[in-house]
Structure formats: structure tokens, C-alpha cells
Amino acid sequence: MSIVITGNPGVGKHTITQEIAKKMKLSVIDINAVAKDSGLFEKNEDTSDIDVEELEKILKQKISEKNIIVGHLAPYVLRKNQIKIMIVLRRSPYDLMSVYKNREYSDKKCKENTGSEILGIIAHDAINKFQEKVFEINVTEKSIPEVVKHVMQAILQNEGKDQVDWLGLVRKNNDLGKFFVD
């Protein structure tokens, strides 16, 4: 069974995965890289669609106990019996907006991704499918070593779940229109 790091784009999945892989001497399976190498990306306007059923079959052949798996598609292409723990990294939508602008995402793509983070879509879908194996970790304003320590605590001690509610924060700041597509 593998360790999985997931979350929206820009939360630090790949950075944290590389650090954990080094510490635990695990090989990394990057879901997006597997999909790309397998020719499963299909361009659709400014997004890419992926055949998740085919990707699930391909990943099934690649997963072993010595893996750490990374990717935002993890909740949709993995099964509960394949994973030991799933870490969902969460980050303030206010921080993510600047990350997306630096990546030159379109305004629509920025809002779709921050909206997804605010609503906790990946976390919700992960919890529904993987229940007690899911740990949400808020990475906002934390250094890489702090996040790595928090993730290691979750992996090794099964402790450290965060409660994340960006919707409450955004509503309190009266910023719904800032983050959601009209």
C-alpha cells in the first residue's frame, strides 16, 4: 500500500512529495507524468481531459509498497486497498490566486482552481472514498520543513489532521465574487 499526496494545483504536492520520498527512501509515481507518458491527455480549451478509467488500469500495474504517489487526480484513479494514507494538502485561496497568476493561468482557470480549493472538492472526494485514511493538512504560511514534519507525523503516527474551512473565511471577507466564475 502506498502513501499518496494530493490537493489542488499550487499547494506544494510535488515539493513535499520529493522531500518525503527522500526521507523514507520511496520512489515517486507522478500521476500526471504517467497520464502524459501514456498519451491520456486530451486538450479541451485551456484544460486537459484524461481517461481516468484507463489511467486507473495503468497505475494499478505500477503501484508497490515502496511508492509515494502524487497528483490531484489521486482520489479519482486509486482504490482504498491500494493506499496506506492519503494526504490532502490545502492552501489559502488568497495565496493560490497569486501562484496561479505567476503560472499565467487564465482568469477562468484561476477561479476554477481557487473555487475548487474553497469548496474543498478534492478533500471531499478523497474523504468520501478513502474515509479514515485521509488527512487534510493546511500548508498556508508554513515552510517546507514544517509541512514535511506535519506530513511525517500523519504518516508515522496517524496524527495531525487539520480542519480547513476556506468558504467560511472567504464569506467572512465578502470575497465570493473574487473567486468564483460568474
C-alpha atoms as a PDB file:
ATOM      1  CA  MET A   1       0.000   0.000   0.000  1.00  0.00           C
ATOM      2  CA  SER A   2       1.263   3.439  -0.938  1.00  0.00           C
ATOM      3  CA  ILE A   3       1.413   6.905   0.562  1.00  0.00           C
ATOM      4  CA  VAL A   4      -0.457   9.488  -1.504  1.00  0.00           C
ATOM      5  CA  ILE A   5      -0.066  13.266  -1.646  1.00  0.00           C
ATOM      6  CA  THR A   6      -2.883  15.142  -3.367  1.00  0.00           C
ATOM      7  CA  GLY A   7      -4.533  18.550  -3.481  1.00  0.00           C
ATOM      8  CA  ASN A   8      -5.253  21.358  -5.903  1.00  0.00           C
ATOM      9  CA  PRO A   9      -2.579  22.759  -8.201  1.00  0.00           C
ATOM     10  CA  GLY A  10      -0.207  25.100  -6.371  1.00  0.00           C
ATOM     11  CA  VAL A  11      -0.440  23.639  -2.867  1.00  0.00           C
ATOM     12  CA  GLY A  12       3.070  22.130  -2.962  1.00  0.00           C
ATOM     13  CA  LYS A  13       2.321  18.482  -3.724  1.00  0.00           C
ATOM     14  CA  HIS A  14       5.452  17.784  -5.761  1.00  0.00           C
ATOM     15  CA  THR A  15       7.816  19.672  -3.452  1.00  0.00           C
ATOM     16  CA  ILE A  16       6.549  17.874  -0.351  1.00  0.00           C
ATOM     17  CA  THR A  17       6.438  14.520  -2.155  1.00  0.00           C
ATOM     18  CA  GLN A  18      10.114  14.822  -3.146  1.00  0.00           C
ATOM     19  CA  GLU A  19      11.102  15.596   0.466  1.00  0.00           C
ATOM     20  CA  ILE A  20       9.073  12.695   1.900  1.00  0.00           C
ATOM     21  CA  ALA A  21      10.398  10.321  -0.791  1.00  0.00           C
ATOM     22  CA  LYS A  22      13.990  11.206   0.193  1.00  0.00           C
ATOM     23  CA  LYS A  23      13.302  10.772   3.925  1.00  0.00           C
ATOM     24  CA  MET A  24      11.523   7.444   3.506  1.00  0.00           C
ATOM     25  CA  LYS A  25      13.537   6.126   0.538  1.00  0.00           C
ATOM     26  CA  LEU A  26      10.454   5.742  -1.649  1.00  0.00           C
ATOM     27  CA  SER A  27      10.126   6.006  -5.404  1.00  0.00           C
ATOM     28  CA  VAL A  28       7.703   8.619  -6.728  1.00  0.00           C
ATOM     29  CA  ILE A  29       4.807   7.891  -9.041  1.00  0.00           C
ATOM     30  CA  ASP A  30       3.584  11.169 -10.557  1.00  0.00           C
ATOM     31  CA  ILE A  31       0.029  10.594 -11.788  1.00  0.00           C
ATOM     32  CA  ASN A  32       0.221  13.434 -14.332  1.00  0.00           C
ATOM     33  CA  ALA A  33       3.511  12.106 -15.724  1.00  0.00           C
ATOM     34  CA  VAL A  34       2.025   8.614 -16.071  1.00  0.00           C
ATOM     35  CA  ALA A  35      -1.009  10.052 -17.867  1.00  0.00           C
ATOM     36  CA  LYS A  36       1.182  12.150 -20.164  1.00  0.00           C
ATOM     37  CA  ASP A  37       3.592   9.287 -20.935  1.00  0.00           C
ATOM     38  CA  SER A  38       0.599   7.058 -21.688  1.00  0.00           C
ATOM     39  CA  GLY A  39      -0.931   9.564 -24.104  1.00  0.00           C
ATOM     40  CA  LEU A  40      -4.060  10.025 -21.993  1.00  0.00           C
ATOM     41  CA  PHE A  41      -4.200  13.852 -22.050  1.00  0.00           C
ATOM     42  CA  GLU A  42      -6.775  15.359 -24.382  1.00  0.00           C
ATOM     43  CA  LYS A  43      -6.693  19.159 -24.768  1.00  0.00           C
ATOM     44  CA  ASN A  44     -10.058  20.871 -24.229  1.00  0.00           C
ATOM     45  CA  GLU A  45      -9.858  24.704 -24.370  1.00  0.00           C
ATOM     46  CA  ASP A  46      -7.429  25.642 -21.557  1.00  0.00           C
ATOM     47  CA  THR A  47      -7.829  22.358 -19.663  1.00  0.00           C
ATOM     48  CA  SER A  48      -6.776  18.781 -20.260  1.00  0.00           C
ATOM     49  CA  ASP A  49      -9.192  15.890 -20.055  1.00  0.00           C
ATOM     50  CA  ILE A  50      -7.937  12.455 -19.019  1.00  0.00           C
ATOM     51  CA  ASP A  51      -9.422   8.991 -19.409  1.00  0.00           C
ATOM     52  CA  VAL A  52      -9.449   8.196 -15.673  1.00  0.00           C
ATOM     53  CA  GLU A  53     -10.556   4.587 -16.158  1.00  0.00           C
ATOM     54  CA  GLU A  54      -7.567   3.875 -18.401  1.00  0.00           C
ATOM     55  CA  LEU A  55      -5.241   5.763 -16.043  1.00  0.00           C
ATOM     56  CA  GLU A  56      -6.524   3.696 -13.118  1.00  0.00           C
ATOM     57  CA  LYS A  57      -5.645   0.479 -15.002  1.00  0.00           C
ATOM     58  CA  ILE A  58      -2.147   1.726 -15.823  1.00  0.00           C
ATOM     59  CA  LEU A  59      -1.460   2.859 -12.251  1.00  0.00           C
ATOM     60  CA  LYS A  60      -2.607  -0.472 -10.841  1.00  0.00           C
ATOM     61  CA  GLN A  61       0.369  -2.094 -12.615  1.00  0.00           C
ATOM     62  CA  LYS A  62       2.874   0.454 -11.261  1.00  0.00           C
ATOM     63  CA  ILE A  63       1.981   0.667  -7.560  1.00  0.00           C
ATOM     64  CA  SER A  64       4.002  -1.154  -4.920  1.00  0.00           C
ATOM     65  CA  GLU A  65       4.678  -0.728  -1.192  1.00  0.00           C
ATOM     66  CA  LYS A  66       7.775   1.360  -1.885  1.00  0.00           C
ATOM     67  CA  ASN A  67       5.915   4.199  -3.612  1.00  0.00           C
ATOM     68  CA  ILE A  68       4.712   7.650  -2.825  1.00  0.00           C
ATOM     69  CA  ILE A  69       2.069   8.747  -5.322  1.00  0.00           C
ATOM     70  CA  VAL A  70       1.472  12.405  -6.182  1.00  0.00           C
ATOM     71  CA  GLY A  71      -1.251  14.125  -8.162  1.00  0.00           C
ATOM     72  CA  HIS A  72      -4.532  15.979  -7.947  1.00  0.00           C
ATOM     73  CA  LEU A  73      -6.289  13.072  -9.683  1.00  0.00           C
ATOM     74  CA  ALA A  74      -5.399  10.589  -6.919  1.00  0.00           C
ATOM     75  CA  PRO A  75      -8.910  10.382  -5.403  1.00  0.00           C
ATOM     76  CA  TYR A  76     -10.313   9.517  -8.830  1.00  0.00           C
ATOM     77  CA  VAL A  77      -7.810   6.905 -10.051  1.00  0.00           C
ATOM     78  CA  LEU A  78      -6.848   4.973  -6.916  1.00  0.00           C
ATOM     79  CA  ARG A  79      -8.698   2.457  -4.760  1.00  0.00           C
ATOM     80  CA  LYS A  80      -8.813   2.287  -0.975  1.00  0.00           C
ATOM     81  CA  ASN A  81      -6.960  -1.048  -0.843  1.00  0.00           C
ATOM     82  CA  GLN A  82      -4.006   0.473  -2.745  1.00  0.00           C
ATOM     83  CA  ILE A  83      -3.159   3.145  -0.213  1.00  0.00           C
ATOM     84  CA  LYS A  84      -1.936   3.358   3.354  1.00  0.00           C
ATOM     85  CA  ILE A  85      -2.673   7.066   3.784  1.00  0.00           C
ATOM     86  CA  MET A  86      -3.792   9.972   1.595  1.00  0.00           C
ATOM     87  CA  ILE A  87      -2.553  13.438   2.496  1.00  0.00           C
ATOM     88  CA  VAL A  88      -4.633  16.289   1.035  1.00  0.00           C
ATOM     89  CA  LEU A  89      -2.586  19.479   1.091  1.00  0.00           C
ATOM     90  CA  ARG A  90      -4.755  22.596   1.451  1.00  0.00           C
ATOM     91  CA  ARG A  91      -3.716  26.194   0.892  1.00  0.00           C
ATOM     92  CA  SER A  92      -5.436  29.535   1.308  1.00  0.00           C
ATOM     93  CA  PRO A  93      -7.199  30.601  -1.899  1.00  0.00           C
ATOM     94  CA  TYR A  94      -5.725  34.069  -1.382  1.00  0.00           C
ATOM     95  CA  ASP A  95      -2.225  32.559  -1.694  1.00  0.00           C
ATOM     96  CA  LEU A  96      -3.245  30.283  -4.554  1.00  0.00           C
ATOM     97  CA  MET A  97      -4.522  33.191  -6.642  1.00  0.00           C
ATOM     98  CA  SER A  98      -1.003  34.670  -6.794  1.00  0.00           C
ATOM     99  CA  VAL A  99       0.503  31.242  -7.546  1.00  0.00           C
ATOM    100  CA  TYR A 100      -1.887  30.818 -10.474  1.00  0.00           C
ATOM    101  CA  LYS A 101      -1.207  34.309 -11.796  1.00  0.00           C
ATOM    102  CA  ASN A 102       2.550  33.554 -11.678  1.00  0.00           C
ATOM    103  CA  ARG A 103       1.841  30.377 -13.658  1.00  0.00           C
ATOM    104  CA  GLU A 104      -0.071  32.561 -16.133  1.00  0.00           C
ATOM    105  CA  TYR A 105      -3.342  30.684 -15.722  1.00  0.00           C
ATOM    106  CA  SER A 106      -6.295  32.338 -17.441  1.00  0.00           C
ATOM    107  CA  ASP A 107      -8.708  34.219 -15.152  1.00  0.00           C
ATOM    108  CA  LYS A 108     -11.257  31.434 -15.643  1.00  0.00           C
ATOM    109  CA  LYS A 109      -8.724  28.721 -14.734  1.00  0.00           C
ATOM    110  CA  CYS A 110      -7.609  30.731 -11.651  1.00  0.00           C
ATOM    111  CA  LYS A 111     -11.188  30.980 -10.435  1.00  0.00           C
ATOM    112  CA  GLU A 112     -11.967  27.320 -11.172  1.00  0.00           C
ATOM    113  CA  ASN A 113      -8.954  26.139  -9.181  1.00  0.00           C
ATOM    114  CA  THR A 114      -9.394  28.555  -6.267  1.00  0.00           C
ATOM    115  CA  GLY A 115     -13.121  27.784  -6.237  1.00  0.00           C
ATOM    116  CA  SER A 116     -12.297  24.082  -6.039  1.00  0.00           C
ATOM    117  CA  GLU A 117      -9.959  24.744  -3.101  1.00  0.00           C
ATOM    118  CA  ILE A 118     -12.518  26.938  -1.317  1.00  0.00           C
ATOM    119  CA  LEU A 119     -15.185  24.257  -1.659  1.00  0.00           C
ATOM    120  CA  GLY A 120     -12.707  21.518  -0.738  1.00  0.00           C
ATOM    121  CA  ILE A 121     -13.667  19.355  -3.705  1.00  0.00           C
ATOM    122  CA  ILE A 122     -10.558  17.157  -3.722  1.00  0.00           C
ATOM    123  CA  ALA A 123     -10.670  16.785   0.071  1.00  0.00           C
ATOM    124  CA  HIS A 124     -14.391  15.978  -0.007  1.00  0.00           C
ATOM    125  CA  ASP A 125     -13.998  13.388  -2.762  1.00  0.00           C
ATOM    126  CA  ALA A 126     -10.980  11.832  -1.022  1.00  0.00           C
ATOM    127  CA  ILE A 127     -12.783  11.590   2.326  1.00  0.00           C
ATOM    128  CA  ASN A 128     -15.876  10.064   0.699  1.00  0.00           C
ATOM    129  CA  LYS A 129     -13.808   7.351  -0.976  1.00  0.00           C
ATOM    130  CA  PHE A 130     -10.950   6.729   1.482  1.00  0.00           C
ATOM    131  CA  GLN A 131     -12.575   7.757   4.825  1.00  0.00           C
ATOM    132  CA  GLU A 132     -10.183   7.303   7.772  1.00  0.00           C
ATOM    133  CA  LYS A 133      -7.116   7.125   5.506  1.00  0.00           C
ATOM    134  CA  VAL A 134      -7.408  10.827   4.592  1.00  0.00           C
ATOM    135  CA  PHE A 135      -5.528  13.624   6.351  1.00  0.00           C
ATOM    136  CA  GLU A 136      -6.073  17.264   5.401  1.00  0.00           C
ATOM    137  CA  ILE A 137      -3.049  19.444   6.100  1.00  0.00           C
ATOM    138  CA  ASN A 138      -3.153  23.227   5.875  1.00  0.00           C
ATOM    139  CA  VAL A 139       0.148  24.375   4.319  1.00  0.00           C
ATOM    140  CA  THR A 140      -0.686  28.101   4.353  1.00  0.00           C
ATOM    141  CA  GLU A 141       2.229  30.222   5.615  1.00  0.00           C
ATOM    142  CA  LYS A 142       4.227  27.105   6.559  1.00  0.00           C
ATOM    143  CA  SER A 143       7.779  26.412   5.465  1.00  0.00           C
ATOM    144  CA  ILE A 144       8.636  23.254   3.550  1.00  0.00           C
ATOM    145  CA  PRO A 145      10.305  21.696   6.649  1.00  0.00           C
ATOM    146  CA  GLU A 146       7.203  22.479   8.743  1.00  0.00           C
ATOM    147  CA  VAL A 147       4.906  20.820   6.192  1.00  0.00           C
ATOM    148  CA  VAL A 148       7.229  17.825   5.853  1.00  0.00           C
ATOM    149  CA  LYS A 149       7.226  17.404   9.650  1.00  0.00           C
ATOM    150  CA  HIS A 150       3.408  17.587   9.719  1.00  0.00           C
ATOM    151  CA  VAL A 151       3.093  15.047   6.861  1.00  0.00           C
ATOM    152  CA  MET A 152       5.592  12.686   8.523  1.00  0.00           C
ATOM    153  CA  GLN A 153       3.563  12.893  11.755  1.00  0.00           C
ATOM    154  CA  ALA A 154       0.457  11.862   9.805  1.00  0.00           C
ATOM    155  CA  ILE A 155       2.262   9.006   8.055  1.00  0.00           C
ATOM    156  CA  LEU A 156       4.140   7.588  11.046  1.00  0.00           C
ATOM    157  CA  GLN A 157       1.817   8.388  13.956  1.00  0.00           C
ATOM    158  CA  ASN A 158      -1.574   8.715  12.257  1.00  0.00           C
ATOM    159  CA  GLU A 159      -1.934  12.153  13.891  1.00  0.00           C
ATOM    160  CA  GLY A 160      -2.285  15.765  12.824  1.00  0.00           C
ATOM    161  CA  LYS A 161      -5.477  16.176  10.819  1.00  0.00           C
ATOM    162  CA  ASP A 162      -6.359  19.819  10.180  1.00  0.00           C
ATOM    163  CA  GLN A 163      -9.857  21.240   9.831  1.00  0.00           C
ATOM    164  CA  VAL A 164      -9.885  23.526   6.795  1.00  0.00           C
ATOM    165  CA  ASP A 165     -12.761  25.912   6.007  1.00  0.00           C
ATOM    166  CA  TRP A 166     -11.859  28.397   3.300  1.00  0.00           C
ATOM    167  CA  LEU A 167     -15.524  29.001   2.467  1.00  0.00           C
ATOM    168  CA  GLY A 168     -16.139  30.492   5.906  1.00  0.00           C
ATOM    169  CA  LEU A 169     -13.086  32.749   5.547  1.00  0.00           C
ATOM    170  CA  VAL A 170     -13.989  33.907   2.037  1.00  0.00           C
ATOM    171  CA  ARG A 171     -17.603  34.555   3.036  1.00  0.00           C
ATOM    172  CA  LYS A 172     -16.484  36.482   6.132  1.00  0.00           C
ATOM    173  CA  ASN A 173     -14.260  38.625   3.877  1.00  0.00           C
ATOM    174  CA  ASN A 174     -17.173  39.087   1.430  1.00  0.00           C
ATOM    175  CA  ASP A 175     -14.963  37.791  -1.401  1.00  0.00           C
ATOM    176  CA  LEU A 176     -17.129  35.116  -3.078  1.00  0.00           C
ATOM    177  CA  GLY A 177     -17.186  37.092  -6.340  1.00  0.00           C
ATOM    178  CA  LYS A 178     -13.404  37.320  -6.330  1.00  0.00           C
ATOM    179  CA  PHE A 179     -13.005  33.551  -6.557  1.00  0.00           C
ATOM    180  CA  PHE A 180     -15.995  32.156  -8.416  1.00  0.00           C
ATOM    181  CA  VAL A 181     -16.780  32.287 -12.131  1.00  0.00           C
ATOM    182  CA  ASP A 182     -19.938  34.280 -12.876  1.00  0.00           C
END
